[in-house]
Amino acid sequence: MLLIGAARAENRFLPGMEDMPLAPGLSVVEDASLAFDSPSGRIVEAYAAGKVVPEAIRKFYAETLPALGWQPAGEDGYTREAERLDLDLFVKEGVTTLRMTVRPR
């Protein structure tokens, strides 16, 4: 998957998820995110990328998300109240892209 957009290192939270920290070494992929509210809850998809191994990203979120109220729910998935969070990681040419999706469960 090719994502086009400039990355900005100074943004330490994911777009549309102001309470979701950005893993170290990742930068937000601008213009690649979407967010909207549906009758059943919010739907957010945000992207970040960097030269970080997927295991380091998974470890960061496994340690960080429970403090934010997210509970593990399967491989690379978390739940909090009525929402589900999924982490999808793609590696291409040494760069890992994280797609983080929040949707109603």
Protein backbone atom coordinates (compact mmCIF):
# COMPACT_ATOMS: atom_id res chain seq x y z
CA MET A 1 0.00 0.00 0.00
CA LEU A 2 1.44 3.35 -0.99
CA LEU A 3 0.49 6.36 1.07
CA ILE A 4 1.14 9.81 -0.25
CA GLY A 5 1.57 12.73 2.10
CA ALA A 6 4.17 14.60 4.07
CA ALA A 7 5.02 13.31 7.53
CA ARG A 8 5.25 15.75 10.42
CA ALA A 9 7.34 14.64 13.38
CA GLU A 10 6.03 17.34 15.72
CA ASN A 11 2.53 15.82 15.83
CA ARG A 12 2.69 13.32 18.72
CA PHE A 13 -0.96 12.23 18.54
CA LEU A 14 -2.86 10.57 15.74
CA PRO A 15 -5.36 12.71 13.78
CA GLY A 16 -8.94 12.24 14.93
CA MET A 17 -7.67 10.45 18.06
CA GLU A 18 -6.42 13.27 20.23
CA ASP A 19 -6.00 10.89 23.17
CA MET A 20 -3.96 8.35 21.16
CA PRO A 21 -0.19 8.85 21.43
CA LEU A 22 2.07 8.26 18.48
CA ALA A 23 4.64 5.49 18.96
CA PRO A 24 8.27 6.67 19.07
CA GLY A 25 9.91 6.80 15.65
CA LEU A 26 6.62 7.22 13.79
CA SER A 27 5.35 10.36 12.08
CA VAL A 28 1.79 11.05 11.02
CA VAL A 29 1.11 10.52 7.32
CA GLU A 30 -0.74 13.72 6.47
CA ASP A 31 -3.85 13.64 4.26
CA ALA A 32 -4.21 9.87 4.69
CA SER A 33 -6.61 9.84 7.63
CA LEU A 34 -10.37 10.02 7.90
CA ALA A 35 -12.80 10.55 10.73
CA PHE A 36 -16.57 10.77 10.99
CA ASP A 37 -19.37 10.09 13.40
CA SER A 38 -21.99 7.49 12.64
CA PRO A 39 -25.23 6.83 14.51
CA SER A 40 -23.52 3.94 16.31
CA GLY A 41 -20.28 5.83 17.14
CA ARG A 42 -17.14 7.33 15.66
CA ILE A 43 -15.11 5.81 12.87
CA VAL A 44 -11.49 6.94 12.61
CA GLU A 45 -8.66 5.71 10.43
CA ALA A 46 -5.21 7.25 10.91
CA TYR A 47 -1.81 6.45 9.43
CA ALA A 48 1.74 6.89 10.69
CA ALA A 49 5.03 5.62 9.30
CA GLY A 50 8.70 5.36 10.20
CA LYS A 51 11.78 3.17 10.23
CA VAL A 52 10.65 1.21 13.28
CA VAL A 53 10.27 -2.56 13.54
CA PRO A 54 6.65 -3.69 13.96
CA GLU A 55 7.46 -5.47 17.25
CA ALA A 56 8.54 -2.16 18.83
CA ILE A 57 5.28 -0.51 17.77
CA ARG A 58 3.22 -3.41 19.12
CA LYS A 59 5.14 -3.30 22.41
CA PHE A 60 4.62 0.47 22.78
CA TYR A 61 0.86 0.15 22.33
CA ALA A 62 0.61 -2.99 24.50
CA GLU A 63 2.22 -0.99 27.31
CA THR A 64 0.42 2.33 26.66
CA LEU A 65 -3.15 1.45 25.69
CA PRO A 66 -4.25 -0.24 28.95
CA ALA A 67 -3.45 3.00 30.84
CA LEU A 68 -5.86 4.74 28.45
CA GLY A 69 -8.64 2.25 29.17
CA TRP A 70 -8.09 -0.06 26.18
CA GLN A 71 -8.12 -3.79 26.86
CA PRO A 72 -6.47 -6.41 24.60
CA ALA A 73 -8.93 -8.16 22.28
CA GLY A 74 -7.18 -10.57 19.94
CA GLU A 75 -4.04 -10.03 17.92
CA ASP A 76 -3.38 -6.30 17.43
CA GLY A 77 -6.88 -5.44 18.65
CA TYR A 78 -8.22 -3.57 21.70
CA THR A 79 -11.62 -2.60 23.07
CA ARG A 80 -12.76 0.28 25.25
CA GLU A 81 -16.39 0.83 26.16
CA ALA A 82 -18.32 0.59 22.88
CA GLU A 83 -15.30 0.93 20.58
CA ARG A 84 -12.81 -1.40 18.94
CA LEU A 85 -9.27 -0.37 18.01
CA ASP A 86 -7.25 -2.30 15.43
CA LEU A 87 -3.56 -1.89 14.61
CA ASP A 88 -2.47 -2.94 11.13
CA LEU A 89 1.24 -2.88 10.32
CA PHE A 90 2.77 -3.00 6.83
CA VAL A 91 6.49 -3.03 6.06
CA LYS A 92 7.92 -1.91 2.74
CA GLU A 93 11.56 -1.10 2.01
CA GLY A 94 12.41 -0.80 5.71
CA VAL A 95 9.56 1.58 6.54
CA THR A 96 6.69 0.40 8.71
CA THR A 97 3.27 1.95 8.16
CA LEU A 98 0.73 1.77 10.97
CA ARG A 99 -2.95 1.99 10.16
CA MET A 100 -4.94 2.54 13.33
CA THR A 101 -8.70 2.13 13.06
CA VAL A 102 -11.34 2.91 15.69
CA ARG A 103 -14.93 1.82 15.08
CA PRO A 104 -18.01 0.87 17.05
CA ARG A 105 -18.04 -2.73 18.21
